[in-house]
Amino acid sequence: VRAQGLYASGDKDPFDNKAQGFDAIFENPQF
């Protein structure tokens, strides 16, 4: 029996000088 949880941060303001969304290089998740 398994439980699974994941959180990848997101960007809150498209127009500022911060990029807060998480992205991988080349994901291939076994999850």
PDB file of all heavy atoms in Angstrom:
ATOM      1  N   VAL A   1       0.856  -1.187   0.000  1.00  0.00           N
ATOM      2  CA  VAL A   1       0.000   0.000   0.000  1.00  0.00           C
ATOM      3  C   VAL A   1       0.891   1.235   0.000  1.00  0.00           C
ATOM      4  O   VAL A   1       1.828   1.324   0.793  1.00  0.00           O
ATOM      5  CB  VAL A   1      -0.939   0.009   1.221  1.00  0.00           C
ATOM      6  CG1 VAL A   1      -1.807   1.251   1.217  1.00  0.00           C
ATOM      7  CG2 VAL A   1      -1.804  -1.242   1.236  1.00  0.00           C
ATOM      8  N   ARG A   2       0.586   2.183  -0.904  1.00  0.00           N
ATOM      9  CA  ARG A   2       1.433   3.358  -1.077  1.00  0.00           C
ATOM     10  C   ARG A   2       0.630   4.650  -0.917  1.00  0.00           C
ATOM     11  O   ARG A   2      -0.564   4.691  -1.186  1.00  0.00           O
ATOM     12  CB  ARG A   2       2.033   3.373  -2.484  1.00  0.00           C
ATOM     13  CG  ARG A   2       3.089   2.334  -2.736  1.00  0.00           C
ATOM     14  CD  ARG A   2       3.590   2.393  -4.173  1.00  0.00           C
ATOM     15  NE  ARG A   2       2.645   1.755  -5.084  1.00  0.00           N
ATOM     16  CZ  ARG A   2       1.824   2.397  -5.888  1.00  0.00           C
ATOM     17  NH1 ARG A   2       1.804   3.719  -5.894  1.00  0.00           N
ATOM     18  NH2 ARG A   2       1.017   1.737  -6.696  1.00  0.00           N
ATOM     19  N   ALA A   3       1.338   5.688  -0.506  1.00  0.00           N
ATOM     20  CA  ALA A   3       0.837   7.056  -0.600  1.00  0.00           C
ATOM     21  C   ALA A   3       1.875   7.846  -1.378  1.00  0.00           C
ATOM     22  O   ALA A   3       3.072   7.511  -1.357  1.00  0.00           O
ATOM     23  CB  ALA A   3       0.617   7.667   0.781  1.00  0.00           C
ATOM     24  N   GLN A   4       1.436   8.873  -2.099  1.00  0.00           N
ATOM     25  CA  GLN A   4       2.370   9.650  -2.898  1.00  0.00           C
ATOM     26  C   GLN A   4       1.969  11.128  -2.881  1.00  0.00           C
ATOM     27  O   GLN A   4       0.789  11.466  -2.959  1.00  0.00           O
ATOM     28  CB  GLN A   4       2.433   9.140  -4.343  1.00  0.00           C
ATOM     29  CG  GLN A   4       1.096   8.933  -5.016  1.00  0.00           C
ATOM     30  CD  GLN A   4       0.888   7.508  -5.498  1.00  0.00           C
ATOM     31  OE1 GLN A   4       1.702   6.605  -5.267  1.00  0.00           O
ATOM     32  NE2 GLN A   4      -0.204   7.294  -6.208  1.00  0.00           N
ATOM     33  N   GLY A   5       2.971  11.960  -2.710  1.00  0.00           N
ATOM     34  CA  GLY A   5       2.732  13.393  -2.695  1.00  0.00           C
ATOM     35  C   GLY A   5       3.870  14.132  -3.380  1.00  0.00           C
ATOM     36  O   GLY A   5       5.040  13.726  -3.278  1.00  0.00           O
ATOM     37  N   LEU A   6       3.530  15.209  -4.095  1.00  0.00           N
ATOM     38  CA  LEU A   6       4.526  15.978  -4.831  1.00  0.00           C
ATOM     39  C   LEU A   6       4.135  17.443  -4.851  1.00  0.00           C
ATOM     40  O   LEU A   6       2.957  17.776  -5.028  1.00  0.00           O
ATOM     41  CB  LEU A   6       4.659  15.436  -6.257  1.00  0.00           C
ATOM     42  CG  LEU A   6       5.615  16.135  -7.232  1.00  0.00           C
ATOM     43  CD1 LEU A   6       6.197  15.108  -8.203  1.00  0.00           C
ATOM     44  CD2 LEU A   6       4.923  17.243  -8.023  1.00  0.00           C
ATOM     45  N   TYR A   7       5.106  18.316  -4.653  1.00  0.00           N
ATOM     46  CA  TYR A   7       4.878  19.761  -4.761  1.00  0.00           C
ATOM     47  C   TYR A   7       6.025  20.376  -5.542  1.00  0.00           C
ATOM     48  O   TYR A   7       7.192  20.234  -5.170  1.00  0.00           O
ATOM     49  CB  TYR A   7       4.785  20.417  -3.387  1.00  0.00           C
ATOM     50  CG  TYR A   7       4.417  21.888  -3.453  1.00  0.00           C
ATOM     51  CD1 TYR A   7       3.094  22.292  -3.369  1.00  0.00           C
ATOM     52  CD2 TYR A   7       5.402  22.860  -3.629  1.00  0.00           C
ATOM     53  CE1 TYR A   7       2.752  23.625  -3.443  1.00  0.00           C
ATOM     54  CE2 TYR A   7       5.073  24.205  -3.708  1.00  0.00           C
ATOM     55  CZ  TYR A   7       3.738  24.584  -3.611  1.00  0.00           C
ATOM     56  OH  TYR A   7       3.392  25.910  -3.709  1.00  0.00           O
ATOM     57  N   ALA A   8       5.696  21.039  -6.658  1.00  0.00           N
ATOM     58  CA  ALA A   8       6.654  21.816  -7.440  1.00  0.00           C
ATOM     59  C   ALA A   8       6.178  23.259  -7.425  1.00  0.00           C
ATOM     60  O   ALA A   8       5.035  23.547  -7.808  1.00  0.00           O
ATOM     61  CB  ALA A   8       6.751  21.291  -8.867  1.00  0.00           C
ATOM     62  N   SER A   9       7.013  24.168  -6.975  1.00  0.00           N
ATOM     63  CA  SER A   9       6.586  25.556  -6.786  1.00  0.00           C
ATOM     64  C   SER A   9       6.161  26.193  -8.110  1.00  0.00           C
ATOM     65  O   SER A   9       6.650  25.836  -9.182  1.00  0.00           O
ATOM     66  CB  SER A   9       7.708  26.366  -6.145  1.00  0.00           C
ATOM     67  OG  SER A   9       8.842  26.434  -7.003  1.00  0.00           O
ATOM     68  N   GLY A  10       5.250  27.187  -8.009  1.00  0.00           N
ATOM     69  CA  GLY A  10       4.754  27.901  -9.171  1.00  0.00           C
ATOM     70  C   GLY A  10       5.062  29.384  -9.085  1.00  0.00           C
ATOM     71  O   GLY A  10       5.332  29.922  -8.004  1.00  0.00           O
ATOM     72  N   ASP A  11       5.021  30.053 -10.230  1.00  0.00           N
ATOM     73  CA  ASP A  11       5.297  31.480 -10.291  1.00  0.00           C
ATOM     74  C   ASP A  11       4.052  32.275  -9.905  1.00  0.00           C
ATOM     75  O   ASP A  11       2.954  31.995 -10.386  1.00  0.00           O
ATOM     76  CB  ASP A  11       5.761  31.872 -11.691  1.00  0.00           C
ATOM     77  CG  ASP A  11       6.364  33.258 -11.727  1.00  0.00           C
ATOM     78  OD1 ASP A  11       7.558  33.376 -11.444  1.00  0.00           O
ATOM     79  OD2 ASP A  11       5.625  34.217 -12.022  1.00  0.00           O
ATOM     80  N   LYS A  12       4.242  33.298  -9.082  1.00  0.00           N
ATOM     81  CA  LYS A  12       3.113  34.066  -8.556  1.00  0.00           C
ATOM     82  C   LYS A  12       2.811  35.329  -9.359  1.00  0.00           C
ATOM     83  O   LYS A  12       1.715  35.883  -9.251  1.00  0.00           O
ATOM     84  CB  LYS A  12       3.377  34.446  -7.097  1.00  0.00           C
ATOM     85  CG  LYS A  12       3.549  33.241  -6.183  1.00  0.00           C
ATOM     86  CD  LYS A  12       3.863  33.681  -4.760  1.00  0.00           C
ATOM     87  CE  LYS A  12       4.050  32.472  -3.847  1.00  0.00           C
ATOM     88  NZ  LYS A  12       4.364  32.876  -2.451  1.00  0.00           N
ATOM     89  N   ASP A  13       3.781  35.801 -10.159  1.00  0.00           N
ATOM     90  CA  ASP A  13       3.585  37.046 -10.911  1.00  0.00           C
ATOM     91  C   ASP A  13       4.329  36.947 -12.239  1.00  0.00           C
ATOM     92  O   ASP A  13       5.565  36.973 -12.260  1.00  0.00           O
ATOM     93  CB  ASP A  13       4.089  38.236 -10.105  1.00  0.00           C
ATOM     94  CG  ASP A  13       3.822  39.574 -10.799  1.00  0.00           C
ATOM     95  OD1 ASP A  13       3.350  39.566 -11.950  1.00  0.00           O
ATOM     96  OD2 ASP A  13       4.092  40.627 -10.176  1.00  0.00           O
ATOM     97  N   PRO A  14       3.619  36.857 -13.361  1.00  0.00           N
ATOM     98  CA  PRO A  14       4.291  36.694 -14.658  1.00  0.00           C
ATOM     99  C   PRO A  14       5.128  37.895 -15.067  1.00  0.00           C
ATOM    100  O   PRO A  14       6.014  37.768 -15.919  1.00  0.00           O
ATOM    101  CB  PRO A  14       3.128  36.494 -15.639  1.00  0.00           C
ATOM    102  CG  PRO A  14       1.949  36.158 -14.805  1.00  0.00           C
ATOM    103  CD  PRO A  14       2.156  36.825 -13.491  1.00  0.00           C
ATOM    104  N   PHE A  15       4.874  39.078 -14.477  1.00  0.00           N
ATOM    105  CA  PHE A  15       5.469  40.305 -14.984  1.00  0.00           C
ATOM    106  C   PHE A  15       6.616  40.848 -14.132  1.00  0.00           C
ATOM    107  O   PHE A  15       7.146  41.910 -14.427  1.00  0.00           O
ATOM    108  CB  PHE A  15       4.383  41.381 -15.121  1.00  0.00           C
ATOM    109  CG  PHE A  15       3.220  40.929 -15.959  1.00  0.00           C
ATOM    110  CD1 PHE A  15       1.981  40.689 -15.381  1.00  0.00           C
ATOM    111  CD2 PHE A  15       3.366  40.731 -17.319  1.00  0.00           C
ATOM    112  CE1 PHE A  15       0.912  40.257 -16.144  1.00  0.00           C
ATOM    113  CE2 PHE A  15       2.306  40.300 -18.101  1.00  0.00           C
ATOM    114  CZ  PHE A  15       1.068  40.066 -17.515  1.00  0.00           C
ATOM    115  N   ASP A  16       6.996  40.135 -13.074  1.00  0.00           N
ATOM    116  CA  ASP A  16       8.123  40.622 -12.283  1.00  0.00           C
ATOM    117  C   ASP A  16       9.422  39.979 -12.776  1.00  0.00           C
ATOM    118  O   ASP A  16       9.453  39.282 -13.790  1.00  0.00           O
ATOM    119  CB  ASP A  16       7.889  40.372 -10.797  1.00  0.00           C
ATOM    120  CG  ASP A  16       7.797  38.886 -10.458  1.00  0.00           C
ATOM    121  OD1 ASP A  16       8.114  38.048 -11.335  1.00  0.00           O
ATOM    122  OD2 ASP A  16       7.419  38.562  -9.320  1.00  0.00           O
ATOM    123  N   ASN A  17      10.503  40.203 -12.062  1.00  0.00           N
ATOM    124  CA  ASN A  17      11.798  39.667 -12.477  1.00  0.00           C
ATOM    125  C   ASN A  17      12.164  38.413 -11.690  1.00  0.00           C
ATOM    126  O   ASN A  17      13.339  38.122 -11.474  1.00  0.00           O
ATOM    127  CB  ASN A  17      12.889  40.723 -12.307  1.00  0.00           C
ATOM    128  CG  ASN A  17      13.057  41.158 -10.851  1.00  0.00           C
ATOM    129  OD1 ASN A  17      12.242  40.807  -9.991  1.00  0.00           O
ATOM    130  ND2 ASN A  17      14.114  41.918 -10.567  1.00  0.00           N
ATOM    131  N   LYS A  18      11.141  37.660 -11.278  1.00  0.00           N
ATOM    132  CA  LYS A  18      11.348  36.404 -10.573  1.00  0.00           C
ATOM    133  C   LYS A  18      10.699  35.261 -11.352  1.00  0.00           C
ATOM    134  O   LYS A  18       9.581  35.403 -11.837  1.00  0.00           O
ATOM    135  CB  LYS A  18      10.759  36.464  -9.161  1.00  0.00           C
ATOM    136  CG  LYS A  18      11.389  37.522  -8.266  1.00  0.00           C
ATOM    137  CD  LYS A  18      10.700  37.551  -6.916  1.00  0.00           C
ATOM    138  CE  LYS A  18      11.286  38.640  -6.031  1.00  0.00           C
ATOM    139  NZ  LYS A  18      10.588  38.703  -4.715  1.00  0.00           N
ATOM    140  N   ALA A  19      11.418  34.164 -11.467  1.00  0.00           N
ATOM    141  CA  ALA A  19      10.900  32.957 -12.105  1.00  0.00           C
ATOM    142  C   ALA A  19      10.835  31.881 -11.026  1.00  0.00           C
ATOM    143  O   ALA A  19      11.838  31.261 -10.692  1.00  0.00           O
ATOM    144  CB  ALA A  19      11.792  32.523 -13.261  1.00  0.00           C
ATOM    145  N   GLN A  20       9.655  31.669 -10.465  1.00  0.00           N
ATOM    146  CA  GLN A  20       9.500  30.820  -9.287  1.00  0.00           C
ATOM    147  C   GLN A  20       8.903  29.448  -9.592  1.00  0.00           C
ATOM    148  O   GLN A  20       8.647  28.680  -8.675  1.00  0.00           O
ATOM    149  CB  GLN A  20       8.616  31.538  -8.265  1.00  0.00           C
ATOM    150  CG  GLN A  20       9.199  32.866  -7.779  1.00  0.00           C
ATOM    151  CD  GLN A  20       8.209  33.656  -6.957  1.00  0.00           C
ATOM    152  OE1 GLN A  20       7.079  33.914  -7.375  1.00  0.00           O
ATOM    153  NE2 GLN A  20       8.625  34.048  -5.752  1.00  0.00           N
ATOM    154  N   GLY A  21       8.680  29.146 -10.854  1.00  0.00           N
ATOM    155  CA  GLY A  21       8.135  27.843 -11.212  1.00  0.00           C
ATOM    156  C   GLY A  21       9.242  26.809 -11.380  1.00  0.00           C
ATOM    157  O   GLY A  21      10.238  27.050 -12.067  1.00  0.00           O
ATOM    158  N   PHE A  22       9.084  25.646 -10.766  1.00  0.00           N
ATOM    159  CA  PHE A  22      10.107  24.605 -10.885  1.00  0.00           C
ATOM    160  C   PHE A  22       9.916  23.832 -12.185  1.00  0.00           C
ATOM    161  O   PHE A  22       8.806  23.430 -12.536  1.00  0.00           O
ATOM    162  CB  PHE A  22      10.041  23.638  -9.703  1.00  0.00           C
ATOM    163  CG  PHE A  22      11.121  22.586  -9.738  1.00  0.00           C
ATOM    164  CD1 PHE A  22      12.363  22.842  -9.174  1.00  0.00           C
ATOM    165  CD2 PHE A  22      10.905  21.368 -10.358  1.00  0.00           C
ATOM    166  CE1 PHE A  22      13.374  21.884  -9.225  1.00  0.00           C
ATOM    167  CE2 PHE A  22      11.907  20.402 -10.408  1.00  0.00           C
ATOM    168  CZ  PHE A  22      13.138  20.663  -9.847  1.00  0.00           C
ATOM    169  N   ASP A  23      11.024  23.613 -12.883  1.00  0.00           N
ATOM    170  CA  ASP A  23      11.020  22.761 -14.066  1.00  0.00           C
ATOM    171  C   ASP A  23      12.261  21.887 -14.039  1.00  0.00           C
ATOM    172  O   ASP A  23      13.320  22.307 -13.544  1.00  0.00           O
ATOM    173  CB  ASP A  23      10.978  23.592 -15.344  1.00  0.00           C
ATOM    174  CG  ASP A  23      10.563  22.761 -16.563  1.00  0.00           C
ATOM    175  OD1 ASP A  23      10.193  21.579 -16.378  1.00  0.00           O
ATOM    176  OD2 ASP A  23      10.596  23.292 -17.692  1.00  0.00           O
ATOM    177  N   ALA A  24      12.154  20.683 -14.577  1.00  0.00           N
ATOM    178  CA  ALA A  24      13.274  19.756 -14.644  1.00  0.00           C
ATOM    179  C   ALA A  24      14.074  19.992 -15.924  1.00  0.00           C
ATOM    180  O   ALA A  24      13.686  20.774 -16.796  1.00  0.00           O
ATOM    181  CB  ALA A  24      12.768  18.321 -14.575  1.00  0.00           C
ATOM    182  N   ILE A  25      15.180  19.270 -16.061  1.00  0.00           N
ATOM    183  CA  ILE A  25      15.958  19.308 -17.299  1.00  0.00           C
ATOM    184  C   ILE A  25      15.300  18.390 -18.318  1.00  0.00           C
ATOM    185  O   ILE A  25      14.950  18.809 -19.416  1.00  0.00           O
ATOM    186  CB  ILE A  25      17.410  18.883 -17.047  1.00  0.00           C
ATOM    187  CG1 ILE A  25      18.053  19.777 -15.978  1.00  0.00           C
ATOM    188  CG2 ILE A  25      18.212  18.931 -18.337  1.00  0.00           C
ATOM    189  CD1 ILE A  25      19.435  19.303 -15.540  1.00  0.00           C
ATOM    190  N   PHE A  26      15.113  17.116 -17.958  1.00  0.00           N
ATOM    191  CA  PHE A  26      14.430  16.139 -18.811  1.00  0.00           C
ATOM    192  C   PHE A  26      13.869  15.050 -17.905  1.00  0.00           C
ATOM    193  O   PHE A  26      14.537  14.074 -17.601  1.00  0.00           O
ATOM    194  CB  PHE A  26      15.399  15.549 -19.836  1.00  0.00           C
ATOM    195  CG  PHE A  26      14.729  14.727 -20.912  1.00  0.00           C
ATOM    196  CD1 PHE A  26      14.285  15.323 -22.078  1.00  0.00           C
ATOM    197  CD2 PHE A  26      14.559  13.362 -20.754  1.00  0.00           C
ATOM    198  CE1 PHE A  26      13.666  14.569 -23.073  1.00  0.00           C
ATOM    199  CE2 PHE A  26      13.948  12.603 -21.736  1.00  0.00           C
ATOM    200  CZ  PHE A  26      13.502  13.206 -22.899  1.00  0.00           C
ATOM    201  N   GLU A  27      12.665  15.272 -17.420  1.00  0.00           N
ATOM    202  CA  GLU A  27      12.078  14.347 -16.454  1.00  0.00           C
ATOM    203  C   GLU A  27      11.570  13.081 -17.137  1.00  0.00           C
ATOM    204  O   GLU A  27      11.158  13.090 -18.296  1.00  0.00           O
ATOM    205  CB  GLU A  27      10.928  15.021 -15.701  1.00  0.00           C
ATOM    206  CG  GLU A  27       9.799  15.494 -16.593  1.00  0.00           C
ATOM    207  CD  GLU A  27       8.561  15.910 -15.824  1.00  0.00           C
ATOM    208  OE1 GLU A  27       8.307  15.343 -14.742  1.00  0.00           O
ATOM    209  OE2 GLU A  27       7.842  16.794 -16.318  1.00  0.00           O
ATOM    210  N   ASN A  28      11.604  11.995 -16.420  1.00  0.00           N
ATOM    211  CA  ASN A  28      11.016  10.724 -16.858  1.00  0.00           C
ATOM    212  C   ASN A  28      10.609   9.970 -15.596  1.00  0.00           C
ATOM    213  O   ASN A  28      11.188   8.952 -15.243  1.00  0.00           O
ATOM    214  CB  ASN A  28      12.027   9.916 -17.670  1.00  0.00           C
ATOM    215  CG  ASN A  28      11.356   8.881 -18.539  1.00  0.00           C
ATOM    216  OD1 ASN A  28      10.179   8.569 -18.366  1.00  0.00           O
ATOM    217  ND2 ASN A  28      12.102   8.329 -19.473  1.00  0.00           N
ATOM    218  N   PRO A  29       9.596  10.476 -14.883  1.00  0.00           N
ATOM    219  CA  PRO A  29       9.339  10.043 -13.507  1.00  0.00           C
ATOM    220  C   PRO A  29       8.758   8.633 -13.400  1.00  0.00           C
ATOM    221  O   PRO A  29       7.848   8.258 -14.138  1.00  0.00           O
ATOM    222  CB  PRO A  29       8.330  11.087 -13.005  1.00  0.00           C
ATOM    223  CG  PRO A  29       7.620  11.542 -14.240  1.00  0.00           C
ATOM    224  CD  PRO A  29       8.650  11.523 -15.325  1.00  0.00           C
ATOM    225  N   GLN A  30       9.298   7.869 -12.477  1.00  0.00           N
ATOM    226  CA  GLN A  30       8.729   6.583 -12.072  1.00  0.00           C
ATOM    227  C   GLN A  30       8.026   6.823 -10.737  1.00  0.00           C
ATOM    228  O   GLN A  30       8.570   6.575  -9.668  1.00  0.00           O
ATOM    229  CB  GLN A  30       9.830   5.531 -11.947  1.00  0.00           C
ATOM    230  CG  GLN A  30      10.621   5.310 -13.212  1.00  0.00           C
ATOM    231  CD  GLN A  30       9.752   4.882 -14.377  1.00  0.00           C
ATOM    232  OE1 GLN A  30       8.986   3.923 -14.280  1.00  0.00           O
ATOM    233  NE2 GLN A  30       9.857   5.604 -15.480  1.00  0.00           N
ATOM    234  N   PHE A  31       6.790   7.344 -10.842  1.00  0.00           N
ATOM    235  CA  PHE A  31       6.119   7.865  -9.661  1.00  0.00           C
ATOM    236  C   PHE A  31       4.634   7.979  -9.952  1.00  0.00           C
ATOM    237  O   PHE A  31       4.231   8.264 -11.086  1.00  0.00           O
ATOM    238  CB  PHE A  31       6.698   9.255  -9.330  1.00  0.00           C
ATOM    239  CG  PHE A  31       6.214   9.855  -8.037  1.00  0.00           C
ATOM    240  CD1 PHE A  31       6.710   9.428  -6.825  1.00  0.00           C
ATOM    241  CD2 PHE A  31       5.269  10.873  -8.049  1.00  0.00           C
ATOM    242  CE1 PHE A  31       6.291   9.993  -5.637  1.00  0.00           C
ATOM    243  CE2 PHE A  31       4.839  11.454  -6.871  1.00  0.00           C
ATOM    244  CZ  PHE A  31       5.344  11.004  -5.655  1.00  0.00           C
TER     245      PHE A  31
END
